[in-house]
Amino acid sequence: MNKYLKYIVTFIILISVGIGGYFYFQKSENHSEHSQQEILYTCSMHPQIIRKQPGNCPICGMTLVEKVTKDHSDHNDKIEHLLKPTDNFIVGNFETTTAKDTAISNDIVLPGIVAFNQKSATNIAARINGRIEKLYVNYKFQKITKGQKLFEIYSPELLTEQQNFIYLITNDTENKSIINAAKQKLLLYGMTGNQINGLVATKKTNPTVTIYSPASGIVMGTDKMTDANVAAMTDASSNTETLDIKEGSYITKGAIVFKLLNTDKVWGVFNVLQGYATSIKINQPIAITSELDENDTINSQINFVETQLNQADKTNRIRVYLNNNKLKLPIGSRLQGIVKVKSTKAIWLSKESMVSLGNQKVVFLKKENGFQAIAIKTGLENNDYVQVLNGISSNDTIAKNAQFLIDSESFIKTK
C-alpha cells in the first residue's frame, strides 16, 4: 500500500511542475510580445511630445493618448499589388470586344521644328592679320544683307600692298602683268574692285579697309551651329546678345569672324518614335503643316534619315529641305508632318479597351461571371488603335471600356 501511495504522490508532483512550467512559458511569451510592442503616449495637438507613461502635455496640458503605429509593408509595383484584394476580380456584366488580327494602314504623325540648314551657311574668315577698328555688326541673330558693311580693319601688311600697287601704277605703267598681279593680291586680301579703283584715282593709301558681307543671312558669330542655337532664337534675351568679337580685337588670317546662316533654305527636323523608325525611308512623301497656318499644307519628301538614336527621348530624326524664300517660316516654329506608311499586320486593340497604370498597360479579360485585370505589352499606335505584342490574343474577350471599370469599381489602391 505504501508502495502505491508513493507512485501516486510522484505523479501528482510531475503534473504540478508541468502545469506550472506551461503557465510560466505563456507568461514569458506574453511578456516578450508586450516588450516588443511598447505603448507610447503623445499629445493630439502636439505630436512631437512622446512619453512612455500616461500624463498631461507639458505645452497645452491636454491628457496624453496612446500613439498609434502603423505596419509598413514593402512596396511592390507588380500588378497584383496595384489591384484591390481579394482576388483581383470584378463581378459584373459589361460591354465586351475583341482584339483584331488584321492589317491597318498607318498614318504616322511626326512633331517637328524649323531649323537652320547648316549646309547653306557662309563663313566669313579674316584674309589677313589685323585689328578691327570699327564694327558694324554687334549682336547675334542680327540680319544682314549681301554687300552690307561688316567691319573696318587696320593691317600693316595690307597697307604695304597698297603702297606697292600705287608705286607700280605710277612708275611702271607699262608692266601690265605685275600690276594685275598686285591688283589680284589686293582682291584676295578682301578689298573690293571699287576700293582698288579709288586707289588708282587718288594715289593715296587707306590705313583702314572696310570689309563687306559676301552673302545675306543671320549672324551667329564664331559659335558652332548646334540645336541649342535654334532654341536660343526663341529666347528674347538672346536676340540682343553681343558677339564675342569687339572693336579693337586682333584677328589672325584664316580665323572665322562671322558665321552667316541662310534663312531662305531651311530644314524641317522631325522626331520619329523608335517603333516607327523602320517604316521611314528617304524620298518618302510627307505632308507638312505649321503652327502659323494649319490649313496650309506643304507637300514635300524626306531628304535624310538620321541613324543615330537620340538617347534623351528615344527618337530618330529626319530632315526635310524646305525653300523658305516663299514660305517665310520663322526659325524655331513648330511643324507637324504626316507620313503614310504600308499597312502593318498585327493584333490591334482599341485604345478605349486599355488603361495605362504608368509603366503598365491593363485590360480586363472576360471570365465566367466577371472580368479579371491582365497586363499587356503594346507596340505601335495608329489613331484609335494600339498594337498588342503579348498578353492577349484575338480570341480573348475583354471589356470594351476599361476606364469605366476603374471609375465605377474603384479597385485601384490609393497610396
Protein backbone atom coordinates (compact mmCIF):
# COMPACT_ATOMS: atom_id res chain seq x y z
CA MET A 1 0.00 0.00 0.00
CA ASN A 2 2.81 2.39 0.85
CA LYS A 3 4.40 1.47 -2.45
CA TYR A 4 1.32 2.55 -4.47
CA LEU A 5 0.94 5.76 -2.40
CA LYS A 6 4.49 6.69 -3.29
CA TYR A 7 3.74 6.34 -7.01
CA ILE A 8 0.60 8.48 -6.72
CA VAL A 9 2.43 11.33 -4.92
CA THR A 10 5.21 11.29 -7.54
CA PHE A 11 2.63 11.52 -10.40
CA ILE A 12 0.87 14.47 -8.76
CA ILE A 13 4.18 16.33 -8.36
CA LEU A 14 5.09 15.83 -12.04
CA ILE A 15 1.72 17.11 -13.18
CA SER A 16 2.04 20.19 -10.95
CA VAL A 17 5.50 21.01 -12.31
CA GLY A 18 4.31 20.62 -15.92
CA ILE A 19 1.32 22.91 -15.48
CA GLY A 20 3.45 25.50 -13.71
CA GLY A 21 6.06 25.40 -16.47
CA TYR A 22 3.36 25.85 -19.12
CA PHE A 23 1.93 28.93 -17.41
CA TYR A 24 5.44 30.28 -16.91
CA PHE A 25 6.17 29.83 -20.62
CA GLN A 26 2.93 31.57 -21.63
CA LYS A 27 3.67 34.40 -19.24
CA SER A 28 7.20 34.78 -20.64
CA GLU A 29 5.91 34.74 -24.22
CA ASN A 30 3.25 37.34 -23.48
CA HIS A 31 5.84 39.46 -21.73
CA SER A 32 8.13 39.18 -24.76
CA GLU A 33 5.36 40.26 -27.14
CA HIS A 34 4.43 43.12 -24.85
CA SER A 35 8.04 44.28 -24.68
CA GLN A 36 8.26 44.24 -28.47
CA GLN A 37 5.08 46.36 -28.75
CA GLU A 38 5.88 49.09 -26.25
CA ILE A 39 3.00 51.51 -25.65
CA LEU A 40 3.83 55.19 -26.17
CA TYR A 41 1.77 58.26 -25.34
CA THR A 42 1.54 61.52 -27.29
CA CYS A 43 -0.46 64.73 -27.42
CA SER A 44 -3.11 65.02 -30.13
CA MET A 45 -2.33 68.74 -30.50
CA HIS A 46 1.44 68.45 -30.21
CA PRO A 47 2.55 65.11 -31.80
CA GLN A 48 6.19 65.90 -31.09
CA ILE A 49 5.53 65.15 -27.42
CA ILE A 50 6.14 61.41 -26.85
CA ARG A 51 6.15 59.78 -23.37
CA LYS A 52 6.39 56.21 -22.11
CA GLN A 53 3.93 56.90 -19.28
CA PRO A 54 0.43 58.47 -19.39
CA GLY A 55 0.07 62.04 -18.20
CA ASN A 56 -0.56 65.56 -19.41
CA CYS A 57 1.03 67.53 -22.27
CA PRO A 58 3.67 69.95 -20.93
CA ILE A 59 2.67 72.52 -23.59
CA CYS A 60 -1.15 72.63 -23.56
CA GLY A 61 -2.00 70.46 -20.55
CA MET A 62 -4.17 68.01 -22.51
CA THR A 63 -4.27 64.35 -21.47
CA LEU A 64 -1.84 62.21 -23.44
CA VAL A 65 -3.29 59.45 -25.61
CA GLU A 66 -1.80 56.22 -26.90
CA LYS A 67 0.31 56.65 -30.04
CA VAL A 68 -0.96 54.53 -32.93
CA THR A 69 1.80 52.86 -35.00
CA LYS A 70 1.17 51.57 -38.49
CA ASP A 71 2.57 48.43 -40.03
CA HIS A 72 4.52 49.50 -43.13
CA SER A 73 4.73 46.73 -45.70
CA ASP A 74 7.22 46.57 -48.56
CA HIS A 75 6.15 48.37 -51.73
CA ASN A 76 5.60 46.21 -54.78
CA ASP A 77 4.99 47.53 -58.30
CA LYS A 78 3.54 44.30 -59.64
CA ILE A 79 0.01 44.41 -60.97
CA GLU A 80 -1.25 42.17 -58.13
CA HIS A 81 -0.31 44.88 -55.62
CA LEU A 82 -1.91 47.63 -57.68
CA LEU A 83 -5.26 45.87 -57.58
CA LYS A 84 -7.58 45.68 -54.61
CA PRO A 85 -7.77 42.30 -52.87
CA THR A 86 -9.27 39.79 -52.59
CA ASP A 87 -8.96 38.07 -55.96
CA ASN A 88 -8.37 40.95 -58.49
CA PHE A 89 -11.76 40.11 -59.91
CA ILE A 90 -14.66 42.40 -60.84
CA VAL A 91 -18.10 40.90 -60.91
CA GLY A 92 -20.44 42.48 -63.43
CA ASN A 93 -21.90 42.42 -66.89
CA PHE A 94 -20.24 44.99 -69.16
CA GLU A 95 -19.99 45.51 -72.91
CA THR A 96 -17.18 43.47 -74.44
CA THR A 97 -14.97 43.45 -77.53
CA THR A 98 -12.05 41.52 -79.01
CA ALA A 99 -8.66 42.41 -80.47
CA LYS A 100 -8.38 42.27 -84.26
CA ASP A 101 -5.72 40.25 -86.07
CA THR A 102 -5.58 42.35 -89.24
CA ALA A 103 -3.56 44.84 -91.26
CA ILE A 104 -4.25 48.54 -90.66
CA SER A 105 -2.97 51.35 -92.88
CA ASN A 106 -0.91 53.69 -90.77
CA ASP A 107 -0.53 57.47 -90.90
CA ILE A 108 2.39 58.49 -88.71
CA VAL A 109 2.13 61.96 -87.18
CA LEU A 110 5.56 63.48 -86.53
CA PRO A 111 6.27 66.59 -84.44
CA GLY A 112 8.92 68.89 -85.90
CA ILE A 113 10.57 72.28 -85.87
CA VAL A 114 12.06 74.71 -88.40
CA ALA A 115 15.87 74.73 -88.13
CA PHE A 116 18.75 76.35 -89.97
CA ASN A 117 20.11 74.48 -92.97
CA GLN A 118 23.70 74.04 -91.88
CA LYS A 119 24.82 73.21 -95.43
CA SER A 120 23.82 76.68 -96.63
CA ALA A 121 25.90 78.51 -94.02
CA THR A 122 28.59 81.01 -95.03
CA ASN A 123 31.79 81.51 -93.06
CA ILE A 124 33.36 84.96 -93.26
CA ALA A 125 37.03 84.48 -92.41
CA ALA A 126 39.81 87.01 -91.98
CA ARG A 127 42.02 87.11 -95.10
CA ILE A 128 44.83 88.97 -93.40
CA ASN A 129 46.16 89.74 -89.92
CA GLY A 130 44.95 92.98 -88.42
CA ARG A 131 42.98 94.91 -85.80
CA ILE A 132 39.26 95.72 -86.02
CA GLU A 133 38.89 99.48 -85.83
CA LYS A 134 35.12 99.70 -86.30
CA LEU A 135 32.42 97.05 -86.05
CA TYR A 136 29.08 97.46 -87.83
CA VAL A 137 27.53 94.18 -86.62
CA ASN A 138 27.16 93.96 -82.86
CA TYR A 139 24.60 91.30 -81.93
CA LYS A 140 23.91 87.65 -82.55
CA PHE A 141 20.94 86.81 -84.78
CA GLN A 142 21.28 90.21 -86.42
CA LYS A 143 20.04 90.05 -90.01
CA ILE A 144 22.38 91.39 -92.67
CA THR A 145 22.19 91.61 -96.45
CA LYS A 146 24.77 90.98 -99.15
CA GLY A 147 27.09 93.97 -99.61
CA GLN A 148 26.44 95.37 -96.10
CA LYS A 149 29.39 96.72 -94.10
CA LEU A 150 30.71 94.28 -91.52
CA PHE A 151 33.84 95.90 -90.05
CA GLU A 152 36.85 98.09 -90.78
CA ILE A 153 40.30 96.54 -90.34
CA TYR A 154 43.77 98.03 -89.96
CA SER A 155 46.50 95.77 -91.33
CA PRO A 156 50.15 96.83 -91.82
CA GLU A 157 50.55 94.08 -94.40
CA LEU A 158 47.54 95.32 -96.41
CA LEU A 159 48.81 98.89 -96.15
CA THR A 160 52.17 97.79 -97.62
CA GLU A 161 50.43 96.06 -100.53
CA GLN A 162 48.50 99.28 -101.27
CA GLN A 163 51.74 101.24 -101.38
CA ASN A 164 53.29 98.72 -103.77
CA PHE A 165 50.25 98.87 -106.05
CA ILE A 166 50.27 102.70 -106.16
CA TYR A 167 54.02 102.67 -106.91
CA LEU A 168 53.55 100.30 -109.84
CA ILE A 169 50.66 102.21 -111.44
CA THR A 170 52.62 105.45 -111.04
CA ASN A 171 56.16 104.45 -112.06
CA ASP A 172 55.78 101.24 -114.09
CA THR A 173 52.58 101.61 -116.09
CA GLU A 174 53.90 99.52 -118.97
CA ASN A 175 54.31 96.40 -116.85
CA LYS A 176 50.70 95.24 -117.02
CA SER A 177 51.33 91.71 -115.74
CA ILE A 178 52.92 92.88 -112.50
CA ILE A 179 50.18 95.50 -111.96
CA ASN A 180 47.47 92.88 -112.48
CA ALA A 181 49.23 90.56 -110.03
CA ALA A 182 49.35 93.33 -107.40
CA LYS A 183 45.67 94.11 -108.02
CA GLN A 184 44.73 90.45 -107.67
CA LYS A 185 46.61 90.30 -104.39
CA LEU A 186 44.58 93.21 -103.01
CA LEU A 187 41.37 91.45 -104.06
CA LEU A 188 42.46 88.30 -102.25
CA TYR A 189 43.15 90.36 -99.12
CA GLY A 190 39.50 91.47 -99.06
CA MET A 191 39.42 94.76 -100.94
CA THR A 192 36.65 95.31 -103.49
CA GLY A 193 37.00 96.48 -107.09
CA ASN A 194 35.62 99.93 -106.17
CA GLN A 195 38.16 100.31 -103.36
CA ILE A 196 41.01 99.45 -105.75
CA ASN A 197 39.65 101.92 -108.32
CA GLY A 198 39.73 104.54 -105.56
CA LEU A 199 43.46 103.85 -105.09
CA VAL A 200 44.04 104.33 -108.80
CA ALA A 201 42.14 107.62 -108.80
CA THR A 202 43.57 109.20 -105.62
CA LYS A 203 47.01 107.56 -105.49
CA LYS A 204 46.57 107.53 -101.69
CA THR A 205 46.60 104.56 -99.35
CA ASN A 206 43.80 103.84 -96.87
CA PRO A 207 45.04 102.82 -93.39
CA THR A 208 41.74 101.07 -92.69
CA VAL A 209 39.82 98.97 -95.19
CA THR A 210 36.09 98.24 -94.96
CA ILE A 211 35.05 94.58 -95.31
CA TYR A 212 31.63 93.90 -96.84
CA SER A 213 29.37 90.85 -96.46
CA PRO A 214 29.55 88.39 -99.38
CA ALA A 215 26.09 86.93 -98.60
CA SER A 216 22.84 87.55 -96.77
CA GLY A 217 21.87 85.74 -93.60
CA ILE A 218 21.65 85.69 -89.82
CA VAL A 219 24.81 86.36 -87.81
CA MET A 220 25.82 83.58 -85.43
CA GLY A 221 29.26 84.92 -84.50
CA THR A 222 32.01 82.35 -84.20
CA ASP A 223 29.90 79.77 -82.32
CA LYS A 224 29.32 76.31 -83.76
CA MET A 225 25.91 75.73 -85.27
CA THR A 226 24.02 73.48 -82.87
CA ASP A 227 20.42 72.84 -81.96
CA ALA A 228 20.98 75.00 -78.89
CA ASN A 229 21.34 78.00 -81.21
CA VAL A 230 17.96 77.23 -82.76
CA ALA A 231 16.39 77.09 -79.31
CA ALA A 232 18.12 80.34 -78.41
CA MET A 233 16.28 82.10 -81.23
CA THR A 234 13.08 81.70 -79.25
CA ASP A 235 14.60 83.41 -76.22
CA ALA A 236 14.06 87.15 -76.41
CA SER A 237 17.07 87.91 -74.21
CA SER A 238 19.47 86.06 -76.52
CA ASN A 239 18.40 88.12 -79.55
CA THR A 240 20.39 91.05 -78.15
CA GLU A 241 23.39 89.02 -77.00
CA THR A 242 26.63 90.71 -78.03
CA LEU A 243 29.23 88.98 -80.18
CA ASP A 244 32.50 87.64 -78.86
CA ILE A 245 34.44 89.91 -81.20
CA LYS A 246 34.75 93.60 -80.27
CA GLU A 247 36.24 96.79 -81.67
CA GLY A 248 39.98 96.69 -81.02
CA SER A 249 40.15 92.91 -81.24
CA TYR A 250 43.05 91.43 -83.18
CA ILE A 251 42.19 88.78 -85.75
CA THR A 252 44.52 86.37 -87.49
CA LYS A 253 44.49 85.21 -91.07
CA GLY A 254 42.03 82.34 -91.56
CA ALA A 255 40.06 82.96 -88.33
CA ILE A 256 36.25 82.90 -88.72
CA VAL A 257 34.95 86.34 -87.80
CA PHE A 258 31.27 85.74 -88.62
CA LYS A 259 29.15 82.71 -89.41
CA LEU A 260 26.09 83.54 -91.51
CA LEU A 261 23.07 81.23 -91.59
CA ASN A 262 20.76 81.41 -94.59
CA THR A 263 17.05 81.69 -93.79
CA ASP A 264 15.95 81.11 -97.40
CA LYS A 265 16.94 77.45 -97.23
CA VAL A 266 15.89 75.73 -94.00
CA TRP A 267 15.36 72.27 -92.58
CA GLY A 268 12.19 70.74 -91.24
CA VAL A 269 13.51 68.45 -88.48
CA PHE A 270 11.04 65.80 -87.26
CA ASN A 271 11.27 63.26 -84.43
CA VAL A 272 10.33 59.65 -85.19
CA LEU A 273 9.47 57.27 -82.35
CA GLN A 274 11.70 54.23 -82.11
CA GLY A 275 8.97 51.81 -83.17
CA TYR A 276 8.31 53.69 -86.42
CA ALA A 277 11.95 54.16 -87.46
CA THR A 278 11.96 51.15 -89.78
CA SER A 279 8.89 52.46 -91.63
CA ILE A 280 10.50 55.78 -92.62
CA LYS A 281 12.50 55.87 -95.86
CA ILE A 282 14.34 58.52 -97.90
CA ASN A 283 12.26 60.18 -100.68
CA GLN A 284 9.05 59.16 -98.89
CA PRO A 285 6.25 61.76 -99.27
CA ILE A 286 5.41 63.86 -96.23
CA ALA A 287 2.63 66.44 -95.73
CA ILE A 288 3.72 69.34 -93.51
CA THR A 289 1.67 71.97 -91.68
CA SER A 290 2.96 74.76 -89.45
CA GLU A 291 1.54 76.36 -86.34
CA LEU A 292 1.19 79.62 -88.31
CA ASP A 293 -1.45 78.16 -90.65
CA GLU A 294 -2.73 74.65 -90.01
CA ASN A 295 -4.84 74.71 -93.18
CA ASP A 296 -1.85 75.35 -95.48
CA THR A 297 -0.23 72.01 -96.34
CA ILE A 298 3.31 71.78 -97.70
CA ASN A 299 3.85 68.63 -99.76
CA SER A 300 7.47 67.54 -99.74
CA GLN A 301 9.61 64.44 -99.31
CA ILE A 302 12.04 63.09 -96.72
CA ASN A 303 15.60 64.00 -97.70
CA PHE A 304 17.64 62.49 -94.88
CA VAL A 305 17.11 59.92 -92.10
CA GLU A 306 19.50 60.03 -89.16
CA THR A 307 20.69 56.61 -88.00
CA GLN A 308 21.74 57.74 -84.53
CA LEU A 309 19.16 57.31 -81.75
CA ASN A 310 18.56 60.32 -79.53
CA GLN A 311 19.05 58.92 -76.01
CA ALA A 312 17.09 61.75 -74.37
CA ASP A 313 13.69 61.00 -75.93
CA LYS A 314 14.42 57.68 -77.71
CA THR A 315 13.68 59.02 -81.18
CA ASN A 316 15.32 59.21 -84.59
CA ARG A 317 15.37 62.41 -86.61
CA ILE A 318 14.53 63.01 -90.23
CA ARG A 319 15.18 66.14 -92.30
CA VAL A 320 13.12 67.76 -95.00
CA TYR A 321 14.77 70.51 -97.07
CA LEU A 322 12.42 73.47 -97.47
CA ASN A 323 12.70 76.51 -99.71
CA ASN A 324 11.90 79.28 -97.24
CA ASN A 325 12.19 82.09 -99.78
CA LYS A 326 8.42 82.00 -100.28
CA LEU A 327 7.27 80.08 -97.20
CA LYS A 328 8.77 82.57 -94.73
CA LEU A 329 8.72 80.11 -91.84
CA PRO A 330 10.39 81.59 -88.74
CA ILE A 331 13.28 79.61 -87.30
CA GLY A 332 12.07 77.64 -84.30
CA SER A 333 8.39 77.49 -85.32
CA ARG A 334 6.65 74.15 -84.72
CA LEU A 335 5.69 71.81 -87.55
CA GLN A 336 3.62 68.66 -87.92
CA GLY A 337 4.39 66.05 -90.55
CA ILE A 338 2.13 63.21 -91.69
CA VAL A 339 3.74 60.22 -93.39
CA LYS A 340 1.72 57.41 -94.97
CA VAL A 341 3.37 54.01 -94.49
CA LYS A 342 2.48 50.49 -95.56
CA SER A 343 -0.16 48.51 -93.69
CA THR A 344 1.09 46.66 -90.63
CA LYS A 345 -0.37 43.21 -89.94
CA ALA A 346 -0.64 42.63 -86.21
CA ILE A 347 -3.08 42.25 -83.33
CA TRP A 348 -4.75 45.64 -82.91
CA LEU A 349 -6.77 46.74 -79.89
CA SER A 350 -8.94 49.79 -79.41
CA LYS A 351 -7.32 52.28 -77.03
CA GLU A 352 -10.65 52.53 -75.22
CA SER A 353 -10.27 48.91 -74.09
CA MET A 354 -6.93 49.58 -72.43
CA VAL A 355 -5.92 51.68 -69.45
CA SER A 356 -2.39 52.82 -68.55
CA LEU A 357 -1.15 52.46 -64.97
CA GLY A 358 2.10 54.32 -65.68
CA ASN A 359 4.64 51.66 -66.56
CA GLN A 360 2.00 49.03 -67.37
CA LYS A 361 -0.98 48.67 -69.70
CA VAL A 362 -4.00 46.76 -68.40
CA VAL A 363 -7.10 45.20 -69.99
CA PHE A 364 -9.99 43.35 -68.33
CA LEU A 365 -10.31 39.78 -69.53
CA LYS A 366 -13.81 38.24 -69.54
CA LYS A 367 -14.23 35.26 -67.16
CA GLU A 368 -17.30 33.24 -66.18
CA ASN A 369 -19.13 35.88 -64.15
CA GLY A 370 -16.90 38.94 -64.36
CA PHE A 371 -13.62 40.42 -65.52
CA GLN A 372 -10.02 39.94 -64.42
CA ALA A 373 -7.26 42.53 -64.86
CA ILE A 374 -4.46 41.37 -67.21
CA ALA A 375 -1.23 43.24 -68.02
CA ILE A 376 -0.34 43.50 -71.72
CA LYS A 377 2.63 44.78 -73.72
CA THR A 378 1.92 47.26 -76.52
CA GLY A 379 3.80 48.46 -79.59
CA LEU A 380 2.84 50.87 -82.37
CA GLU A 381 -0.08 53.27 -82.13
CA ASN A 382 -2.37 54.10 -85.04
CA ASN A 383 -5.06 56.69 -84.42
CA ASP A 384 -7.55 54.91 -82.09
CA TYR A 385 -5.77 51.56 -82.12
CA VAL A 386 -2.67 50.17 -80.42
CA GLN A 387 -0.61 47.11 -81.35
CA VAL A 388 -0.65 44.24 -78.81
CA LEU A 389 2.66 42.39 -78.58
CA ASN A 390 1.72 39.91 -75.85
CA GLY A 391 -0.76 39.38 -73.01
CA ILE A 392 -3.92 38.61 -75.01
CA SER A 393 -4.87 37.14 -78.37
CA SER A 394 -7.61 37.83 -80.88
CA ASN A 395 -9.65 35.00 -79.32
CA ASP A 396 -9.89 36.66 -75.90
CA THR A 397 -12.96 38.66 -74.90
CA ILE A 398 -12.24 41.84 -72.95
CA ALA A 399 -14.16 44.78 -71.55
CA LYS A 400 -14.79 47.44 -74.19
CA ASN A 401 -14.35 50.42 -71.83
CA ALA A 402 -11.52 49.75 -69.39
CA GLN A 403 -11.59 53.22 -67.86
CA PHE A 404 -15.26 52.76 -66.96
CA LEU A 405 -14.45 49.68 -64.89
CA ILE A 406 -11.77 51.57 -62.98
CA ASP A 407 -14.01 54.57 -62.32
CA SER A 408 -17.05 52.51 -61.35
CA GLU A 409 -15.41 49.81 -59.23
CA SER A 410 -12.54 51.91 -57.83
CA PHE A 411 -10.43 48.80 -57.45
CA ILE A 412 -7.05 50.54 -57.74
CA LYS A 413 -5.26 51.06 -54.45
CA THR A 414 -4.65 54.62 -53.32
CA LYS A 415 -1.42 55.37 -51.55
